[in-house]
């Protein structure tokens, strides 16, 4: 039995824009954490 999805004409473009904004938001949220982790790793290396 074939499973079919019915998309609106603007579906794929809207989905790509939405996923891009989600990726950008995730990057913006992860950047400070990555910087903090790098700072901690650098401090641990400096204290050794």
N, C-alpha and C. Protein backbone atom coordinates (compact mmCIF):
# COMPACT_ATOMS: atom_id res chain seq x y z
N UNK A 1 0.84 -1.19 0.00
CA UNK A 1 0.00 0.00 0.00
C UNK A 1 0.88 1.24 0.00
N UNK A 2 0.67 2.09 -0.99
CA UNK A 2 1.53 3.27 -1.13
C UNK A 2 1.10 4.35 -0.15
N UNK A 3 2.09 4.89 0.52
CA UNK A 3 1.82 5.99 1.46
C UNK A 3 2.20 7.29 0.78
N UNK A 4 1.21 8.16 0.55
CA UNK A 4 1.48 9.39 -0.19
C UNK A 4 1.27 10.61 0.68
N UNK A 5 2.15 11.55 0.52
CA UNK A 5 2.01 12.83 1.22
C UNK A 5 1.56 13.88 0.22
N UNK A 6 0.61 14.68 0.61
CA UNK A 6 0.15 15.77 -0.26
C UNK A 6 0.68 17.09 0.30
N UNK A 7 1.61 17.67 -0.46
CA UNK A 7 2.23 18.92 0.00
C UNK A 7 1.66 20.10 -0.75
N UNK A 8 1.66 21.24 -0.08
CA UNK A 8 1.31 22.48 -0.77
C UNK A 8 2.48 22.88 -1.66
N UNK A 9 2.26 23.73 -2.67
CA UNK A 9 3.36 24.14 -3.57
C UNK A 9 4.51 24.79 -2.82
N UNK A 10 4.22 25.51 -1.71
CA UNK A 10 5.29 26.20 -0.99
C UNK A 10 5.85 25.33 0.13
N UNK A 11 5.53 24.06 0.14
CA UNK A 11 5.96 23.19 1.22
C UNK A 11 7.48 23.03 1.34
N UNK A 12 8.16 22.52 0.31
CA UNK A 12 9.60 22.26 0.42
C UNK A 12 10.39 23.52 0.73
N UNK A 13 10.08 24.63 0.07
CA UNK A 13 10.84 25.87 0.28
C UNK A 13 10.64 26.34 1.72
N UNK A 14 9.39 26.30 2.19
CA UNK A 14 9.11 26.74 3.55
C UNK A 14 9.81 25.83 4.55
N UNK A 15 9.83 24.53 4.26
CA UNK A 15 10.48 23.59 5.17
C UNK A 15 11.99 23.85 5.23
N UNK A 16 12.61 24.13 4.09
CA UNK A 16 14.05 24.38 4.08
C UNK A 16 14.37 25.65 4.86
N UNK A 17 13.52 26.68 4.70
CA UNK A 17 13.75 27.92 5.45
C UNK A 17 13.58 27.66 6.94
N UNK A 18 12.57 26.86 7.30
CA UNK A 18 12.33 26.58 8.70
C UNK A 18 13.50 25.79 9.29
N UNK A 19 13.98 24.78 8.57
CA UNK A 19 15.09 23.99 9.08
C UNK A 19 16.35 24.85 9.18
N UNK A 20 16.54 25.77 8.24
CA UNK A 20 17.70 26.65 8.29
C UNK A 20 17.64 27.54 9.52
N UNK A 21 16.47 28.12 9.80
CA UNK A 21 16.34 28.98 10.97
C UNK A 21 16.54 28.17 12.24
N UNK A 22 16.05 26.93 12.25
CA UNK A 22 16.24 26.07 13.42
C UNK A 22 17.72 25.76 13.60
N UNK A 23 18.43 25.48 12.51
CA UNK A 23 19.87 25.19 12.58
C UNK A 23 20.62 26.42 13.09
N UNK A 24 20.21 27.60 12.59
CA UNK A 24 20.87 28.84 13.02
C UNK A 24 20.63 29.07 14.51
N UNK A 25 19.37 28.82 14.97
CA UNK A 25 19.06 29.01 16.39
C UNK A 25 19.86 28.03 17.24
N UNK A 26 19.99 26.78 16.76
CA UNK A 26 20.76 25.78 17.49
C UNK A 26 22.23 26.19 17.55
N UNK A 27 22.75 26.72 16.44
CA UNK A 27 24.14 27.17 16.42
C UNK A 27 24.34 28.33 17.39
N UNK A 28 23.40 29.28 17.40
CA UNK A 28 23.50 30.42 18.30
C UNK A 28 23.45 29.97 19.76
N UNK A 29 22.69 28.91 20.04
CA UNK A 29 22.61 28.40 21.41
C UNK A 29 23.86 27.60 21.76
N UNK A 30 24.45 26.91 20.78
CA UNK A 30 25.59 26.03 21.05
C UNK A 30 26.91 26.80 21.06
N UNK A 31 26.99 27.94 20.38
CA UNK A 31 28.24 28.69 20.29
C UNK A 31 28.77 29.10 21.67
N UNK A 32 27.96 29.72 22.54
CA UNK A 32 28.47 30.08 23.88
C UNK A 32 28.90 28.86 24.68
N UNK A 33 28.16 27.76 24.56
CA UNK A 33 28.54 26.54 25.28
C UNK A 33 29.87 26.01 24.77
N UNK A 34 30.07 26.06 23.45
CA UNK A 34 31.33 25.59 22.88
C UNK A 34 32.49 26.48 23.33
N UNK A 35 32.26 27.80 23.36
CA UNK A 35 33.30 28.72 23.82
C UNK A 35 33.62 28.46 25.29
N UNK A 36 32.58 28.23 26.10
CA UNK A 36 32.80 27.95 27.52
C UNK A 36 33.60 26.66 27.68
N UNK A 37 33.24 25.63 26.89
CA UNK A 37 33.95 24.36 26.98
C UNK A 37 35.42 24.52 26.57
N UNK A 38 35.66 25.31 25.52
CA UNK A 38 37.03 25.55 25.08
C UNK A 38 37.81 26.30 26.15
N UNK A 39 37.16 27.29 26.79
CA UNK A 39 37.83 28.05 27.85
C UNK A 39 38.19 27.13 29.02
N UNK A 40 37.27 26.24 29.39
CA UNK A 40 37.54 25.31 30.49
C UNK A 40 38.68 24.37 30.12
N UNK A 41 38.66 23.85 28.90
CA UNK A 41 39.71 22.93 28.46
C UNK A 41 41.06 23.65 28.43
N UNK A 42 41.08 24.91 27.97
CA UNK A 42 42.33 25.68 27.93
C UNK A 42 42.83 25.95 29.34
N UNK A 43 41.91 26.26 30.26
CA UNK A 43 42.31 26.51 31.65
C UNK A 43 42.88 25.24 32.28
N UNK A 44 42.26 24.11 32.03
CA UNK A 44 42.77 22.85 32.58
C UNK A 44 44.16 22.56 32.04
N UNK A 45 44.38 22.85 30.76
CA UNK A 45 45.69 22.63 30.18
C UNK A 45 46.71 23.61 30.75
N UNK A 46 46.27 24.84 31.03
CA UNK A 46 47.19 25.85 31.56
C UNK A 46 47.55 25.53 33.01
N UNK A 47 46.59 24.97 33.77
CA UNK A 47 46.86 24.66 35.17
C UNK A 47 47.78 23.45 35.32
N UNK A 48 47.80 22.59 34.28
CA UNK A 48 48.64 21.41 34.41
C UNK A 48 50.06 21.91 34.43
